[in-house]
Structures are given as C-alpha cells and as structure tokens.
Amino acid sequence: MPHFLPTTLTEAKELGWDTLDIILVSGDAYVDHPSFGSALIGRYLEAHGFKVGIIPQPDWKDPASFTVLGQPNLFFCVSAGNIDSMVNNYTADKKPRRTDMYSPNNEAGHRPDRASIVYTSMLKRLYKNT
C-alpha cells in the first residue's frame, strides 16, 4: 500500500474511489505509522477490501471540517485519539497543558474536551441518516 489514507475527496478520487466505505475521525494528527491507532485501523480495514478515509483533528467549531470526505457508505469510526482528550488537555492538577504530542508542532488546543462526544454529536447533526 504505497499511498496514504485519503483525507480529502480529491485524494480519494486519485485512488479511483468515488465514495468511501468507512471514515475514521481522530483527535490526533494523521501519521501513517502503526503507533497511531487510526492509521493502524485504517490500514487493517483497507487490507480487508474497504475504502477508508480519515479526518484528522477536525475543527470541532466548524461543521465543514467534518464534511471533507462526504458521507460514508457504511459508517463513521470516531476516536479522541491515542490519549483520552481530558488527559491530553489537562495535567493532574487540572491545569491546561501547553503541548500536545499528537498534534502538529506539539501545539495544544487542536482537540476539544471529551472529543469523542463532541465529534459524534457533530456527525449526528450533519449526517442524520448515517
């Protein structure tokens, strides 16, 4: 599999795919490495014949960031990322963390608190029939 999982419809079309079967939504940046759960799951599903795309770190305040791949034929698979979003966003003293090791440039603030709930709520609002 020499290609990356598509993150846009243009990338999917370059692979000859008009639609995707499964869309992964992750609180982490997309890194195509087995230490990143979304990449591992995506590659496994793809190896079993599914057309898989990924929406990495969508802007939870912008509904358009959840529509970049359209509606999947089967389902969305939602994850807060490798680390729970509350653990990732706050220290043990409940102070906001300054860095996020699973975001570009280690910048904090790219995922909401309780990311799985926030992402799922947005997807339910946008895709009522999925």
N, C-alpha and C. Protein backbone atom coordinates (compact mmCIF):
# COMPACT_ATOMS: atom_id res chain seq x y z
N MET A 1 0.84 -1.19 0.00
CA MET A 1 0.00 0.00 0.00
C MET A 1 0.89 1.24 0.00
N PRO A 2 1.28 1.71 -1.15
CA PRO A 2 2.21 2.83 -1.23
C PRO A 2 1.56 4.20 -0.98
N HIS A 3 0.25 4.27 -0.92
CA HIS A 3 -0.42 5.56 -0.76
C HIS A 3 -0.83 5.79 0.69
N PHE A 4 -1.10 7.05 1.02
CA PHE A 4 -1.64 7.39 2.34
C PHE A 4 -3.15 7.23 2.30
N LEU A 5 -3.76 7.06 3.46
CA LEU A 5 -5.22 7.06 3.51
C LEU A 5 -5.69 8.44 3.11
N PRO A 6 -6.73 8.54 2.28
CA PRO A 6 -7.17 9.86 1.83
C PRO A 6 -7.76 10.70 2.96
N THR A 7 -7.45 11.99 2.92
CA THR A 7 -8.01 12.95 3.88
C THR A 7 -8.91 13.96 3.19
N THR A 8 -9.01 13.87 1.86
CA THR A 8 -9.92 14.72 1.09
C THR A 8 -10.55 13.87 -0.01
N LEU A 9 -11.66 14.36 -0.56
CA LEU A 9 -12.30 13.64 -1.67
C LEU A 9 -11.40 13.62 -2.90
N THR A 10 -10.61 14.68 -3.10
CA THR A 10 -9.67 14.72 -4.22
C THR A 10 -8.67 13.57 -4.12
N GLU A 11 -8.13 13.35 -2.92
CA GLU A 11 -7.20 12.24 -2.72
C GLU A 11 -7.88 10.90 -2.95
N ALA A 12 -9.14 10.77 -2.52
CA ALA A 12 -9.89 9.53 -2.74
C ALA A 12 -10.10 9.28 -4.23
N LYS A 13 -10.43 10.33 -4.96
CA LYS A 13 -10.67 10.21 -6.41
C LYS A 13 -9.38 9.82 -7.14
N GLU A 14 -8.22 10.29 -6.64
CA GLU A 14 -6.94 9.90 -7.23
C GLU A 14 -6.69 8.40 -7.10
N LEU A 15 -7.32 7.78 -6.10
CA LEU A 15 -7.21 6.33 -5.91
C LEU A 15 -8.28 5.58 -6.69
N GLY A 16 -9.15 6.35 -7.39
CA GLY A 16 -10.23 5.73 -8.16
C GLY A 16 -11.48 5.47 -7.35
N TRP A 17 -11.59 6.11 -6.19
CA TRP A 17 -12.74 5.92 -5.30
C TRP A 17 -13.66 7.12 -5.39
N ASP A 18 -14.92 6.89 -5.73
CA ASP A 18 -15.90 7.98 -5.74
C ASP A 18 -16.47 8.23 -4.35
N THR A 19 -16.63 7.15 -3.59
CA THR A 19 -17.12 7.26 -2.21
C THR A 19 -16.26 6.38 -1.32
N LEU A 20 -16.41 6.58 -0.02
CA LEU A 20 -15.66 5.78 0.95
C LEU A 20 -16.63 4.89 1.72
N ASP A 21 -16.16 3.72 2.11
CA ASP A 21 -16.99 2.82 2.91
C ASP A 21 -16.99 3.25 4.37
N ILE A 22 -15.80 3.59 4.87
CA ILE A 22 -15.63 3.92 6.29
C ILE A 22 -14.79 5.18 6.38
N ILE A 23 -15.21 6.09 7.26
CA ILE A 23 -14.44 7.32 7.51
C ILE A 23 -14.05 7.34 8.98
N LEU A 24 -12.75 7.40 9.22
CA LEU A 24 -12.22 7.49 10.57
C LEU A 24 -12.12 8.97 10.94
N VAL A 25 -12.57 9.31 12.14
CA VAL A 25 -12.44 10.67 12.65
C VAL A 25 -11.58 10.57 13.90
N SER A 26 -10.45 11.28 13.92
CA SER A 26 -9.50 11.14 15.01
C SER A 26 -9.09 12.48 15.59
N GLY A 27 -8.88 12.49 16.89
CA GLY A 27 -8.38 13.68 17.57
C GLY A 27 -6.89 13.90 17.37
N ASP A 28 -6.21 12.91 16.80
CA ASP A 28 -4.78 13.02 16.53
C ASP A 28 -4.54 13.51 15.11
N ALA A 29 -3.35 14.06 14.90
CA ALA A 29 -2.91 14.35 13.54
C ALA A 29 -2.73 13.01 12.84
N TYR A 30 -2.80 13.00 11.51
CA TYR A 30 -2.64 11.74 10.77
C TYR A 30 -1.17 11.49 10.52
N VAL A 31 -0.69 10.41 11.11
CA VAL A 31 0.67 9.92 10.86
C VAL A 31 0.51 8.46 10.47
N ASP A 32 0.98 8.10 9.30
CA ASP A 32 0.80 6.74 8.80
C ASP A 32 1.86 5.83 9.42
N HIS A 33 1.64 5.49 10.68
CA HIS A 33 2.57 4.65 11.44
C HIS A 33 1.76 3.79 12.40
N PRO A 34 2.17 2.55 12.64
CA PRO A 34 1.39 1.66 13.49
C PRO A 34 1.24 2.11 14.94
N SER A 35 2.01 3.09 15.39
CA SER A 35 1.83 3.57 16.76
C SER A 35 0.63 4.52 16.86
N PHE A 36 0.06 4.88 15.73
CA PHE A 36 -1.14 5.72 15.70
C PHE A 36 -2.32 4.82 15.37
N GLY A 37 -3.26 4.75 16.31
CA GLY A 37 -4.39 3.84 16.19
C GLY A 37 -5.20 4.00 14.92
N SER A 38 -5.45 5.22 14.51
CA SER A 38 -6.27 5.45 13.32
C SER A 38 -5.61 4.91 12.07
N ALA A 39 -4.31 5.10 11.96
CA ALA A 39 -3.58 4.57 10.80
C ALA A 39 -3.60 3.04 10.82
N LEU A 40 -3.42 2.46 11.99
CA LEU A 40 -3.42 1.00 12.12
C LEU A 40 -4.78 0.42 11.75
N ILE A 41 -5.85 0.99 12.29
CA ILE A 41 -7.20 0.52 11.99
C ILE A 41 -7.53 0.74 10.51
N GLY A 42 -7.18 1.92 10.01
CA GLY A 42 -7.44 2.22 8.60
C GLY A 42 -6.75 1.25 7.66
N ARG A 43 -5.50 0.95 7.93
CA ARG A 43 -4.76 0.01 7.09
C ARG A 43 -5.33 -1.41 7.19
N TYR A 44 -5.75 -1.80 8.37
CA TYR A 44 -6.35 -3.13 8.55
C TYR A 44 -7.64 -3.23 7.73
N LEU A 45 -8.50 -2.23 7.85
CA LEU A 45 -9.76 -2.24 7.11
C LEU A 45 -9.51 -2.21 5.60
N GLU A 46 -8.55 -1.40 5.19
CA GLU A 46 -8.22 -1.31 3.76
C GLU A 46 -7.70 -2.65 3.23
N ALA A 47 -6.90 -3.34 4.03
CA ALA A 47 -6.37 -4.64 3.63
C ALA A 47 -7.47 -5.68 3.47
N HIS A 48 -8.61 -5.43 4.11
CA HIS A 48 -9.75 -6.33 4.00
C HIS A 48 -10.79 -5.84 2.99
N GLY A 49 -10.37 -4.94 2.11
CA GLY A 49 -11.20 -4.56 0.97
C GLY A 49 -12.08 -3.34 1.14
N PHE A 50 -11.99 -2.65 2.27
CA PHE A 50 -12.80 -1.46 2.48
C PHE A 50 -12.08 -0.21 1.97
N LYS A 51 -12.84 0.73 1.48
CA LYS A 51 -12.31 2.03 1.07
C LYS A 51 -12.40 2.93 2.30
N VAL A 52 -11.24 3.31 2.82
CA VAL A 52 -11.17 4.02 4.10
C VAL A 52 -10.54 5.39 3.92
N GLY A 53 -11.12 6.39 4.57
CA GLY A 53 -10.55 7.73 4.61
C GLY A 53 -10.45 8.17 6.06
N ILE A 54 -9.72 9.24 6.30
CA ILE A 54 -9.54 9.72 7.66
C ILE A 54 -9.69 11.24 7.72
N ILE A 55 -10.38 11.71 8.74
CA ILE A 55 -10.47 13.14 9.03
C ILE A 55 -9.67 13.35 10.32
N PRO A 56 -8.42 13.81 10.20
CA PRO A 56 -7.60 14.00 11.39
C PRO A 56 -7.82 15.38 12.02
N GLN A 57 -7.97 15.40 13.32
CA GLN A 57 -8.15 16.62 14.10
C GLN A 57 -9.09 17.62 13.44
N PRO A 58 -10.35 17.24 13.24
CA PRO A 58 -11.28 18.21 12.64
C PRO A 58 -11.51 19.39 13.59
N ASP A 59 -11.77 20.55 13.01
CA ASP A 59 -12.09 21.73 13.82
C ASP A 59 -13.52 21.56 14.32
N TRP A 60 -13.66 21.27 15.59
CA TRP A 60 -14.98 20.95 16.15
C TRP A 60 -15.93 22.14 16.14
N LYS A 61 -15.42 23.33 15.86
CA LYS A 61 -16.28 24.52 15.80
C LYS A 61 -16.77 24.79 14.38
N ASP A 62 -16.22 24.06 13.41
CA ASP A 62 -16.55 24.27 12.00
C ASP A 62 -17.14 23.00 11.38
N PRO A 63 -18.45 22.97 11.17
CA PRO A 63 -19.07 21.77 10.59
C PRO A 63 -18.46 21.35 9.25
N ALA A 64 -17.95 22.30 8.47
CA ALA A 64 -17.38 21.97 7.16
C ALA A 64 -16.18 21.03 7.29
N SER A 65 -15.47 21.08 8.41
CA SER A 65 -14.30 20.21 8.55
C SER A 65 -14.71 18.74 8.70
N PHE A 66 -15.98 18.49 9.00
CA PHE A 66 -16.48 17.12 9.11
C PHE A 66 -17.08 16.61 7.80
N THR A 67 -17.15 17.47 6.80
CA THR A 67 -17.78 17.08 5.54
C THR A 67 -16.77 16.91 4.40
N VAL A 68 -15.48 16.99 4.70
CA VAL A 68 -14.46 16.96 3.65
C VAL A 68 -14.42 15.64 2.88
N LEU A 69 -14.92 14.56 3.46
CA LEU A 69 -14.93 13.27 2.77
C LEU A 69 -16.33 12.81 2.40
N GLY A 70 -17.32 13.63 2.69
CA GLY A 70 -18.69 13.26 2.37
C GLY A 70 -19.24 12.23 3.35
N GLN A 71 -20.31 11.57 2.94
CA GLN A 71 -20.97 10.57 3.78
C GLN A 71 -20.44 9.18 3.43
N PRO A 72 -20.07 8.38 4.42
CA PRO A 72 -19.57 7.04 4.12
C PRO A 72 -20.70 6.08 3.72
N ASN A 73 -20.34 5.06 2.98
CA ASN A 73 -21.31 4.03 2.61
C ASN A 73 -21.74 3.21 3.81
N LEU A 74 -20.83 3.00 4.77
CA LEU A 74 -21.13 2.16 5.92
C LEU A 74 -21.25 2.95 7.22
N PHE A 75 -20.13 3.52 7.69
CA PHE A 75 -20.18 4.21 8.98
C PHE A 75 -18.97 5.11 9.20
N PHE A 76 -19.11 5.97 10.22
CA PHE A 76 -18.00 6.76 10.75
C PHE A 76 -17.42 5.98 11.93
N CYS A 77 -16.13 6.04 12.10
CA CYS A 77 -15.45 5.44 13.25
C CYS A 77 -14.78 6.61 13.98
N VAL A 78 -15.20 6.88 15.22
CA VAL A 78 -14.77 8.08 15.93
C VAL A 78 -13.86 7.72 17.10
N SER A 79 -12.76 8.48 17.23
CA SER A 79 -11.83 8.29 18.33
C SER A 79 -11.29 9.65 18.79
N ALA A 80 -11.10 9.79 20.09
CA ALA A 80 -10.49 11.00 20.62
C ALA A 80 -9.00 11.05 20.29
N GLY A 81 -8.43 9.91 19.95
CA GLY A 81 -7.01 9.83 19.64
C GLY A 81 -6.31 8.80 20.51
N ASN A 82 -4.97 8.80 20.46
CA ASN A 82 -4.20 7.82 21.23
C ASN A 82 -4.35 8.01 22.73
N ILE A 83 -4.59 9.22 23.16
CA ILE A 83 -4.74 9.53 24.58
C ILE A 83 -6.11 10.18 24.78
N ASP A 84 -6.79 9.81 25.86
CA ASP A 84 -8.07 10.43 26.17
C ASP A 84 -7.93 11.95 26.13
N SER A 85 -8.91 12.63 25.58
CA SER A 85 -8.80 14.08 25.38
C SER A 85 -8.68 14.85 26.69
N MET A 86 -9.31 14.40 27.75
CA MET A 86 -9.20 15.11 29.02
C MET A 86 -7.79 14.95 29.61
N VAL A 87 -7.22 13.76 29.50
CA VAL A 87 -5.85 13.53 29.96
C VAL A 87 -4.89 14.33 29.08
N ASN A 88 -5.18 14.39 27.80
CA ASN A 88 -4.33 15.11 26.86
C ASN A 88 -4.39 16.62 27.07
N ASN A 89 -5.53 17.14 27.51
CA ASN A 89 -5.71 18.59 27.63
C ASN A 89 -5.36 19.16 28.99
N TYR A 90 -5.34 18.31 30.04
CA TYR A 90 -5.13 18.82 31.40
C TYR A 90 -4.10 17.99 32.16
N THR A 91 -3.37 18.67 33.07
CA THR A 91 -2.43 17.99 33.95
C THR A 91 -3.20 17.35 35.10
N ALA A 92 -2.49 16.63 35.96
CA ALA A 92 -3.12 16.02 37.14
C ALA A 92 -3.66 17.09 38.09
N ASP A 93 -3.10 18.30 38.02
CA ASP A 93 -3.57 19.42 38.84
C ASP A 93 -4.69 20.20 38.16
N LYS A 94 -5.22 19.64 37.07
CA LYS A 94 -6.32 20.24 36.31
C LYS A 94 -5.95 21.58 35.66
N LYS A 95 -4.68 21.74 35.36
CA LYS A 95 -4.22 22.93 34.64
C LYS A 95 -4.11 22.57 33.16
N PRO A 96 -4.44 23.51 32.27
CA PRO A 96 -4.34 23.20 30.83
C PRO A 96 -2.90 22.88 30.42
N ARG A 97 -2.75 21.87 29.62
CA ARG A 97 -1.41 21.53 29.11
C ARG A 97 -1.01 22.54 28.02
N ARG A 98 0.28 22.78 27.93
CA ARG A 98 0.78 23.72 26.93
C ARG A 98 1.14 23.04 25.63
N THR A 99 1.27 21.72 25.66
CA THR A 99 1.66 20.99 24.46
C THR A 99 0.74 19.79 24.24
N ASP A 100 0.75 19.31 23.00
CA ASP A 100 0.00 18.11 22.62
C ASP A 100 0.91 17.31 21.70
N MET A 101 1.47 16.24 22.21
CA MET A 101 2.46 15.48 21.44
C MET A 101 1.87 14.76 20.22
N TYR A 102 0.56 14.74 20.08
CA TYR A 102 -0.08 14.11 18.92
C TYR A 102 -0.67 15.14 17.95
N SER A 103 -0.21 16.38 18.05
CA SER A 103 -0.64 17.45 17.14
C SER A 103 0.57 18.03 16.42
N PRO A 104 0.36 18.61 15.25
CA PRO A 104 1.48 19.23 14.54
C PRO A 104 2.17 20.28 15.41
N ASN A 105 3.48 20.26 15.40
CA ASN A 105 4.32 21.20 16.16
C ASN A 105 4.05 21.14 17.66
N ASN A 106 3.48 20.05 18.14
CA ASN A 106 3.16 19.87 19.56
C ASN A 106 2.25 20.96 20.11
N GLU A 107 1.46 21.59 19.24
CA GLU A 107 0.57 22.67 19.67
C GLU A 107 -0.66 22.11 20.38
N ALA A 108 -0.98 22.67 21.53
CA ALA A 108 -2.19 22.29 22.26
C ALA A 108 -3.39 23.03 21.67
N GLY A 109 -4.58 22.55 21.98
CA GLY A 109 -5.80 23.25 21.58
C GLY A 109 -6.44 22.77 20.30
N HIS A 110 -5.93 21.67 19.73
CA HIS A 110 -6.49 21.18 18.47
C HIS A 110 -7.59 20.13 18.66
N ARG A 111 -7.87 19.77 19.92
CA ARG A 111 -8.95 18.81 20.17
C ARG A 111 -9.75 19.31 21.37
N PRO A 112 -11.05 19.10 21.34
CA PRO A 112 -11.90 19.58 22.44
C PRO A 112 -11.84 18.64 23.64
N ASP A 113 -12.31 19.12 24.78
CA ASP A 113 -12.54 18.23 25.91
C ASP A 113 -13.62 17.24 25.49
N ARG A 114 -13.48 16.01 25.96
CA ARG A 114 -14.45 14.95 25.63
C ARG A 114 -14.65 14.85 24.11
N ALA A 115 -13.55 14.73 23.41
CA ALA A 115 -13.54 14.79 21.94
C ALA A 115 -14.48 13.78 21.28
N SER A 116 -14.53 12.56 21.78
CA SER A 116 -15.40 11.56 21.15
C SER A 116 -16.86 11.99 21.16
N ILE A 117 -17.29 12.58 22.27
CA ILE A 117 -18.68 13.05 22.38
C ILE A 117 -18.91 14.22 21.45
N VAL A 118 -17.98 15.16 21.41
CA VAL A 118 -18.11 16.34 20.56
C VAL A 118 -18.13 15.94 19.08
N TYR A 119 -17.21 15.07 18.67
CA TYR A 119 -17.16 14.65 17.27
C TYR A 119 -18.42 13.88 16.88
N THR A 120 -18.85 12.97 17.74
CA THR A 120 -20.05 12.18 17.45
C THR A 120 -21.29 13.07 17.35
N SER A 121 -21.40 14.04 18.24
CA SER A 121 -22.55 14.96 18.21
C SER A 121 -22.58 15.75 16.90
N MET A 122 -21.43 16.21 16.46
CA MET A 122 -21.37 16.96 15.20
C MET A 122 -21.76 16.06 14.02
N LEU A 123 -21.25 14.85 14.00
CA LEU A 123 -21.58 13.93 12.91
C LEU A 123 -23.06 13.58 12.89
N LYS A 124 -23.65 13.38 14.05
CA LYS A 124 -25.09 13.09 14.12
C LYS A 124 -25.91 14.26 13.61
N ARG A 125 -25.44 15.47 13.90
CA ARG A 125 -26.14 16.66 13.43
C ARG A 125 -26.05 16.80 11.91
N LEU A 126 -24.88 16.50 11.36
CA LEU A 126 -24.65 16.68 9.92
C LEU A 126 -25.18 15.52 9.08
N TYR A 127 -25.10 14.32 9.60
CA TYR A 127 -25.46 13.12 8.83
C TYR A 127 -26.53 12.33 9.59
N LYS A 128 -27.73 12.79 9.53
CA LYS A 128 -28.83 12.19 10.29
C LYS A 128 -29.14 10.75 9.87
N ASN A 129 -28.81 10.36 8.65
CA ASN A 129 -29.16 9.03 8.14
C ASN A 129 -28.00 8.03 8.19
N THR A 130 -26.91 8.41 8.82
CA THR A 130 -25.75 7.50 8.88
C THR A 130 -25.62 6.91 10.25
